[in-house]
Amino acid sequence: MYLTISETAEYLELDEAKIRAFVLQCKIRSVYDGKQYLINKDQFSTHLEQMEKYRETIQEYLRESLPEDIDVKDED
């Protein structure tokens, strides 16, 4: 499925100017049909999956409690 620059910006929740810059810098693959750039939506699926896994990993890390300090001496 191909998206326009504005649709891609909405899908990725980024500014249209940033998407246009990425297209012109060849950081996002696209096809120019004579009027507009068309961007294949599937090229973002792997990136979005990896970002979701990374987000879950960070959330798990933040939920962990701090371990007790092994250098604390028992005063009993």
PDB file of N, CA and C in Angstrom:
ATOM      1  N   MET A   1       0.849  -1.175   0.000  1.00  0.00           N
ATOM      2  CA  MET A   1       0.000   0.000   0.000  1.00  0.00           C
ATOM      3  C   MET A   1       0.893   1.237   0.000  1.00  0.00           C
ATOM      4  N   TYR A   2       0.593   2.162  -0.888  1.00  0.00           N
ATOM      5  CA  TYR A   2       1.373   3.383  -0.999  1.00  0.00           C
ATOM      6  C   TYR A   2       0.642   4.545  -0.348  1.00  0.00           C
ATOM      7  N   LEU A   3       1.423   5.399   0.312  1.00  0.00           N
ATOM      8  CA  LEU A   3       0.884   6.567   0.990  1.00  0.00           C
ATOM      9  C   LEU A   3       1.523   7.828   0.425  1.00  0.00           C
ATOM     10  N   THR A   4       0.808   8.928   0.506  1.00  0.00           N
ATOM     11  CA  THR A   4       1.396  10.219   0.145  1.00  0.00           C
ATOM     12  C   THR A   4       2.243  10.709   1.312  1.00  0.00           C
ATOM     13  N   ILE A   5       2.931  11.800   1.112  1.00  0.00           N
ATOM     14  CA  ILE A   5       3.763  12.349   2.194  1.00  0.00           C
ATOM     15  C   ILE A   5       2.908  12.730   3.393  1.00  0.00           C
ATOM     16  N   SER A   6       1.759  13.355   3.155  1.00  0.00           N
ATOM     17  CA  SER A   6       0.896  13.761   4.272  1.00  0.00           C
ATOM     18  C   SER A   6       0.330  12.544   5.010  1.00  0.00           C
ATOM     19  N   GLU A   7      -0.044  11.505   4.274  1.00  0.00           N
ATOM     20  CA  GLU A   7      -0.554  10.286   4.911  1.00  0.00           C
ATOM     21  C   GLU A   7       0.546   9.589   5.702  1.00  0.00           C
ATOM     22  N   THR A   8       1.773   9.602   5.169  1.00  0.00           N
ATOM     23  CA  THR A   8       2.899   9.001   5.868  1.00  0.00           C
ATOM     24  C   THR A   8       3.198   9.766   7.148  1.00  0.00           C
ATOM     25  N   ALA A   9       3.143  11.087   7.083  1.00  0.00           N
ATOM     26  CA  ALA A   9       3.370  11.915   8.273  1.00  0.00           C
ATOM     27  C   ALA A   9       2.341  11.603   9.354  1.00  0.00           C
ATOM     28  N   GLU A  10       1.111  11.426   8.950  1.00  0.00           N
ATOM     29  CA  GLU A  10       0.057  11.083   9.914  1.00  0.00           C
ATOM     30  C   GLU A  10       0.287   9.681  10.488  1.00  0.00           C
ATOM     31  N   TYR A  11       0.658   8.734   9.636  1.00  0.00           N
ATOM     32  CA  TYR A  11       0.890   7.357  10.060  1.00  0.00           C
ATOM     33  C   TYR A  11       2.050   7.270  11.048  1.00  0.00           C
ATOM     34  N   LEU A  12       3.127   8.012  10.792  1.00  0.00           N
ATOM     35  CA  LEU A  12       4.307   7.972  11.652  1.00  0.00           C
ATOM     36  C   LEU A  12       4.268   9.014  12.761  1.00  0.00           C
ATOM     37  N   GLU A  13       3.237   9.837  12.763  1.00  0.00           N
ATOM     38  CA  GLU A  13       3.069  10.911  13.750  1.00  0.00           C
ATOM     39  C   GLU A  13       4.267  11.851  13.741  1.00  0.00           C
ATOM     40  N   LEU A  14       4.657  12.270  12.528  1.00  0.00           N
ATOM     41  CA  LEU A  14       5.748  13.213  12.332  1.00  0.00           C
ATOM     42  C   LEU A  14       5.263  14.373  11.474  1.00  0.00           C
ATOM     43  N   ASP A  15       6.058  15.421  11.428  1.00  0.00           N
ATOM     44  CA  ASP A  15       5.734  16.594  10.626  1.00  0.00           C
ATOM     45  C   ASP A  15       5.937  16.291   9.138  1.00  0.00           C
ATOM     46  N   GLU A  16       5.067  16.846   8.301  1.00  0.00           N
ATOM     47  CA  GLU A  16       5.170  16.622   6.850  1.00  0.00           C
ATOM     48  C   GLU A  16       6.503  17.105   6.298  1.00  0.00           C
ATOM     49  N   ALA A  17       6.998  18.222   6.809  1.00  0.00           N
ATOM     50  CA  ALA A  17       8.273  18.765   6.322  1.00  0.00           C
ATOM     51  C   ALA A  17       9.422  17.788   6.594  1.00  0.00           C
ATOM     52  N   LYS A  18       9.358  17.129   7.738  1.00  0.00           N
ATOM     53  CA  LYS A  18      10.395  16.150   8.082  1.00  0.00           C
ATOM     54  C   LYS A  18      10.321  14.944   7.147  1.00  0.00           C
ATOM     55  N   ILE A  19       9.124  14.477   6.853  1.00  0.00           N
ATOM     56  CA  ILE A  19       8.963  13.347   5.934  1.00  0.00           C
ATOM     57  C   ILE A  19       9.454  13.735   4.543  1.00  0.00           C
ATOM     58  N   ARG A  20       9.096  14.927   4.100  1.00  0.00           N
ATOM     59  CA  ARG A  20       9.537  15.400   2.784  1.00  0.00           C
ATOM     60  C   ARG A  20      11.068  15.466   2.734  1.00  0.00           C
ATOM     61  N   ALA A  21      11.690  15.952   3.814  1.00  0.00           N
ATOM     62  CA  ALA A  21      13.154  16.025   3.865  1.00  0.00           C
ATOM     63  C   ALA A  21      13.761  14.626   3.806  1.00  0.00           C
ATOM     64  N   PHE A  22      13.175  13.678   4.526  1.00  0.00           N
ATOM     65  CA  PHE A  22      13.675  12.296   4.500  1.00  0.00           C
ATOM     66  C   PHE A  22      13.566  11.705   3.095  1.00  0.00           C
ATOM     67  N   VAL A  23      12.487  12.002   2.413  1.00  0.00           N
ATOM     68  CA  VAL A  23      12.307  11.505   1.041  1.00  0.00           C
ATOM     69  C   VAL A  23      13.369  12.105   0.120  1.00  0.00           C
ATOM     70  N   LEU A  24      13.576  13.411   0.211  1.00  0.00           N
ATOM     71  CA  LEU A  24      14.544  14.077  -0.655  1.00  0.00           C
ATOM     72  C   LEU A  24      15.979  13.670  -0.339  1.00  0.00           C
ATOM     73  N   GLN A  25      16.250  13.271   0.919  1.00  0.00           N
ATOM     74  CA  GLN A  25      17.580  12.805   1.311  1.00  0.00           C
ATOM     75  C   GLN A  25      17.746  11.303   1.075  1.00  0.00           C
ATOM     76  N   CYS A  26      16.713  10.670   0.521  1.00  0.00           N
ATOM     77  CA  CYS A  26      16.694   9.221   0.252  1.00  0.00           C
ATOM     78  C   CYS A  26      16.802   8.380   1.519  1.00  0.00           C
ATOM     79  N   LYS A  27      16.340   8.910   2.639  1.00  0.00           N
ATOM     80  CA  LYS A  27      16.290   8.136   3.878  1.00  0.00           C
ATOM     81  C   LYS A  27      15.005   7.319   3.945  1.00  0.00           C
ATOM     82  N   ILE A  28      14.005   7.731   3.189  1.00  0.00           N
ATOM     83  CA  ILE A  28      12.761   6.982   3.028  1.00  0.00           C
ATOM     84  C   ILE A  28      12.635   6.694   1.542  1.00  0.00           C
ATOM     85  N   ARG A  29      12.442   5.427   1.202  1.00  0.00           N
ATOM     86  CA  ARG A  29      12.273   5.052  -0.201  1.00  0.00           C
ATOM     87  C   ARG A  29      10.909   5.504  -0.690  1.00  0.00           C
ATOM     88  N   SER A  30      10.896   6.049  -1.893  1.00  0.00           N
ATOM     89  CA  SER A  30       9.636   6.535  -2.450  1.00  0.00           C
ATOM     90  C   SER A  30       9.675   6.455  -3.976  1.00  0.00           C
ATOM     91  N   VAL A  31       8.495   6.662  -4.562  1.00  0.00           N
ATOM     92  CA  VAL A  31       8.342   6.680  -6.009  1.00  0.00           C
ATOM     93  C   VAL A  31       7.677   7.999  -6.364  1.00  0.00           C
ATOM     94  N   TYR A  32       8.207   8.674  -7.369  1.00  0.00           N
ATOM     95  CA  TYR A  32       7.602   9.922  -7.822  1.00  0.00           C
ATOM     96  C   TYR A  32       6.758   9.628  -9.058  1.00  0.00           C
ATOM     97  N   ASP A  33       5.468   9.907  -8.982  1.00  0.00           N
ATOM     98  CA  ASP A  33       4.562   9.578 -10.090  1.00  0.00           C
ATOM     99  C   ASP A  33       4.330  10.748 -11.048  1.00  0.00           C
ATOM    100  N   GLY A  34       5.119  11.797 -10.929  1.00  0.00           N
ATOM    101  CA  GLY A  34       4.950  12.964 -11.782  1.00  0.00           C
ATOM    102  C   GLY A  34       4.253  14.107 -11.075  1.00  0.00           C
ATOM    103  N   LYS A  35       3.469  13.800 -10.050  1.00  0.00           N
ATOM    104  CA  LYS A  35       2.766  14.814  -9.273  1.00  0.00           C
ATOM    105  C   LYS A  35       3.181  14.812  -7.811  1.00  0.00           C
ATOM    106  N   GLN A  36       3.373  13.634  -7.273  1.00  0.00           N
ATOM    107  CA  GLN A  36       3.649  13.506  -5.843  1.00  0.00           C
ATOM    108  C   GLN A  36       4.522  12.293  -5.575  1.00  0.00           C
ATOM    109  N   TYR A  37       5.104  12.293  -4.382  1.00  0.00           N
ATOM    110  CA  TYR A  37       5.890  11.144  -3.949  1.00  0.00           C
ATOM    111  C   TYR A  37       4.960  10.144  -3.280  1.00  0.00           C
ATOM    112  N   LEU A  38       5.150   8.882  -3.617  1.00  0.00           N
ATOM    113  CA  LEU A  38       4.377   7.806  -3.006  1.00  0.00           C
ATOM    114  C   LEU A  38       5.343   6.928  -2.226  1.00  0.00           C
ATOM    115  N   ILE A  39       4.951   6.589  -1.009  1.00  0.00           N
ATOM    116  CA  ILE A  39       5.820   5.878  -0.083  1.00  0.00           C
ATOM    117  C   ILE A  39       5.154   4.562   0.294  1.00  0.00           C
ATOM    118  N   ASN A  40       5.909   3.473   0.168  1.00  0.00           N
ATOM    119  CA  ASN A  40       5.388   2.155   0.524  1.00  0.00           C
ATOM    120  C   ASN A  40       5.317   2.043   2.047  1.00  0.00           C
ATOM    121  N   LYS A  41       4.140   1.775   2.555  1.00  0.00           N
ATOM    122  CA  LYS A  41       3.903   1.714   3.995  1.00  0.00           C
ATOM    123  C   LYS A  41       4.636   0.550   4.653  1.00  0.00           C
ATOM    124  N   ASP A  42       4.846  -0.551   3.928  1.00  0.00           N
ATOM    125  CA  ASP A  42       5.447  -1.751   4.511  1.00  0.00           C
ATOM    126  C   ASP A  42       6.897  -1.552   4.950  1.00  0.00           C
ATOM    127  N   GLN A  43       7.588  -0.559   4.421  1.00  0.00           N
ATOM    128  CA  GLN A  43       8.984  -0.371   4.791  1.00  0.00           C
ATOM    129  C   GLN A  43       9.144   0.075   6.246  1.00  0.00           C
ATOM    130  N   PHE A  44       8.075   0.504   6.890  1.00  0.00           N
ATOM    131  CA  PHE A  44       8.146   0.968   8.272  1.00  0.00           C
ATOM    132  C   PHE A  44       7.768  -0.112   9.280  1.00  0.00           C
ATOM    133  N   SER A  45       7.241  -1.238   8.827  1.00  0.00           N
ATOM    134  CA  SER A  45       6.733  -2.247   9.758  1.00  0.00           C
ATOM    135  C   SER A  45       7.836  -2.807  10.659  1.00  0.00           C
ATOM    136  N   THR A  46       8.990  -3.126  10.111  1.00  0.00           N
ATOM    137  CA  THR A  46      10.079  -3.669  10.923  1.00  0.00           C
ATOM    138  C   THR A  46      10.552  -2.641  11.934  1.00  0.00           C
ATOM    139  N   HIS A  47      10.706  -1.418  11.500  1.00  0.00           N
ATOM    140  CA  HIS A  47      11.157  -0.363  12.407  1.00  0.00           C
ATOM    141  C   HIS A  47      10.166  -0.164  13.553  1.00  0.00           C
ATOM    142  N   LEU A  48       8.888  -0.118  13.244  1.00  0.00           N
ATOM    143  CA  LEU A  48       7.875   0.083  14.283  1.00  0.00           C
ATOM    144  C   LEU A  48       7.808  -1.092  15.249  1.00  0.00           C
ATOM    145  N   GLU A  49       7.997  -2.309  14.743  1.00  0.00           N
ATOM    146  CA  GLU A  49       8.023  -3.484  15.622  1.00  0.00           C
ATOM    147  C   GLU A  49       9.212  -3.421  16.566  1.00  0.00           C
ATOM    148  N   GLN A  50      10.379  -3.040  16.055  1.00  0.00           N
ATOM    149  CA  GLN A  50      11.568  -2.940  16.895  1.00  0.00           C
ATOM    150  C   GLN A  50      11.408  -1.844  17.941  1.00  0.00           C
ATOM    151  N   MET A  51      10.803  -0.735  17.572  1.00  0.00           N
ATOM    152  CA  MET A  51      10.571   0.349  18.526  1.00  0.00           C
ATOM    153  C   MET A  51       9.619  -0.090  19.634  1.00  0.00           C
ATOM    154  N   GLU A  52       8.609  -0.874  19.287  1.00  0.00           N
ATOM    155  CA  GLU A  52       7.664  -1.366  20.293  1.00  0.00           C
ATOM    156  C   GLU A  52       8.362  -2.324  21.260  1.00  0.00           C
ATOM    157  N   LYS A  53       9.219  -3.215  20.747  1.00  0.00           N
ATOM    158  CA  LYS A  53       9.973  -4.129  21.612  1.00  0.00           C
ATOM    159  C   LYS A  53      10.898  -3.352  22.536  1.00  0.00           C
ATOM    160  N   TYR A  54      11.552  -2.337  22.010  1.00  0.00           N
ATOM    161  CA  TYR A  54      12.448  -1.501  22.807  1.00  0.00           C
ATOM    162  C   TYR A  54      11.660  -0.782  23.899  1.00  0.00           C
ATOM    163  N   ARG A  55      10.481  -0.252  23.563  1.00  0.00           N
ATOM    164  CA  ARG A  55       9.636   0.435  24.537  1.00  0.00           C
ATOM    165  C   ARG A  55       9.223  -0.521  25.662  1.00  0.00           C
ATOM    166  N   GLU A  56       8.870  -1.762  25.314  1.00  0.00           N
ATOM    167  CA  GLU A  56       8.498  -2.753  26.321  1.00  0.00           C
ATOM    168  C   GLU A  56       9.677  -3.097  27.226  1.00  0.00           C
ATOM    169  N   THR A  57      10.863  -3.217  26.646  1.00  0.00           N
ATOM    170  CA  THR A  57      12.060  -3.512  27.423  1.00  0.00           C
ATOM    171  C   THR A  57      12.344  -2.401  28.425  1.00  0.00           C
ATOM    172  N   ILE A  58      12.229  -1.171  27.988  1.00  0.00           N
ATOM    173  CA  ILE A  58      12.452  -0.024  28.872  1.00  0.00           C
ATOM    174  C   ILE A  58      11.420  -0.009  29.995  1.00  0.00           C
ATOM    175  N   GLN A  59      10.157  -0.288  29.674  1.00  0.00           N
ATOM    176  CA  GLN A  59       9.113  -0.309  30.696  1.00  0.00           C
ATOM    177  C   GLN A  59       9.375  -1.401  31.734  1.00  0.00           C
ATOM    178  N   GLU A  60       9.811  -2.577  31.292  1.00  0.00           N
ATOM    179  CA  GLU A  60      10.143  -3.654  32.226  1.00  0.00           C
ATOM    180  C   GLU A  60      11.288  -3.237  33.139  1.00  0.00           C
ATOM    181  N   TYR A  61      12.288  -2.610  32.566  1.00  0.00           N
ATOM    182  CA  TYR A  61      13.436  -2.157  33.349  1.00  0.00           C
ATOM    183  C   TYR A  61      13.014  -1.137  34.404  1.00  0.00           C
ATOM    184  N   LEU A  62      12.145  -0.217  34.036  1.00  0.00           N
ATOM    185  CA  LEU A  62      11.704   0.817  34.970  1.00  0.00           C
ATOM    186  C   LEU A  62      10.816   0.260  36.076  1.00  0.00           C
ATOM    187  N   ARG A  63      10.137  -0.848  35.828  1.00  0.00           N
ATOM    188  CA  ARG A  63       9.269  -1.459  36.848  1.00  0.00           C
ATOM    189  C   ARG A  63      10.051  -2.267  37.876  1.00  0.00           C
ATOM    190  N   GLU A  64      11.279  -2.649  37.553  1.00  0.00           N
ATOM    191  CA  GLU A  64      12.064  -3.455  38.479  1.00  0.00           C
ATOM    192  C   GLU A  64      12.415  -2.629  39.715  1.00  0.00           C
ATOM    193  N   SER A  65      12.356  -3.293  40.877  1.00  0.00           N
ATOM    194  CA  SER A  65      12.736  -2.596  42.091  1.00  0.00           C
ATOM    195  C   SER A  65      14.259  -2.613  42.233  1.00  0.00           C
ATOM    196  N   LEU A  66      14.743  -1.675  42.999  1.00  0.00           N
ATOM    197  CA  LEU A  66      16.186  -1.598  43.204  1.00  0.00           C
ATOM    198  C   LEU A  66      16.635  -2.717  44.133  1.00  0.00           C
ATOM    199  N   PRO A  67      17.726  -3.378  43.817  1.00  0.00           N
ATOM    200  CA  PRO A  67      18.217  -4.431  44.702  1.00  0.00           C
ATOM    201  C   PRO A  67      18.817  -3.818  45.969  1.00  0.00           C
ATOM    202  N   GLU A  68      18.804  -4.584  47.024  1.00  0.00           N
ATOM    203  CA  GLU A  68      19.416  -4.104  48.251  1.00  0.00           C
ATOM    204  C   GLU A  68      20.915  -4.021  48.046  1.00  0.00           C
ATOM    205  N   ASP A  69      21.504  -3.053  48.680  1.00  0.00           N
ATOM    206  CA  ASP A  69      22.941  -2.841  48.538  1.00  0.00           C
ATOM    207  C   ASP A  69      23.669  -3.918  49.340  1.00  0.00           C
ATOM    208  N   ILE A  70      24.529  -4.667  48.699  1.00  0.00           N
ATOM    209  CA  ILE A  70      25.246  -5.754  49.382  1.00  0.00           C
ATOM    210  C   ILE A  70      26.330  -5.221  50.312  1.00  0.00           C
ATOM    211  N   ASP A  71      26.697  -3.959  50.179  1.00  0.00           N
ATOM    212  CA  ASP A  71      27.729  -3.376  51.032  1.00  0.00           C
ATOM    213  C   ASP A  71      27.192  -2.855  52.347  1.00  0.00           C
ATOM    214  N   VAL A  72      25.873  -2.866  52.515  1.00  0.00           N
ATOM    215  CA  VAL A  72      25.299  -2.410  53.767  1.00  0.00           C
ATOM    216  C   VAL A  72      25.541  -3.485  54.823  1.00  0.00           C
ATOM    217  N   LYS A  73      26.137  -3.092  55.923  1.00  0.00           N
ATOM    218  CA  LYS A  73      26.474  -4.067  56.964  1.00  0.00           C
ATOM    219  C   LYS A  73      25.331  -4.162  57.966  1.00  0.00           C
ATOM    220  N   ASP A  74      25.075  -5.366  58.368  1.00  0.00           N
ATOM    221  CA  ASP A  74      24.035  -5.601  59.369  1.00  0.00           C
ATOM    222  C   ASP A  74      24.602  -5.223  60.731  1.00  0.00           C
ATOM    223  N   GLU A  75      23.901  -4.386  61.455  1.00  0.00           N
ATOM    224  CA  GLU A  75      24.405  -3.873  62.733  1.00  0.00           C
ATOM    225  C   GLU A  75      23.988  -4.735  63.911  1.00  0.00           C
ATOM    226  N   ASP A  76      23.335  -5.834  63.691  1.00  0.00           N
ATOM    227  CA  ASP A  76      22.876  -6.673  64.804  1.00  0.00           C
ATOM    228  C   ASP A  76      23.986  -7.459  65.398  1.00  0.00           C
TER     229      ASP A  76
END
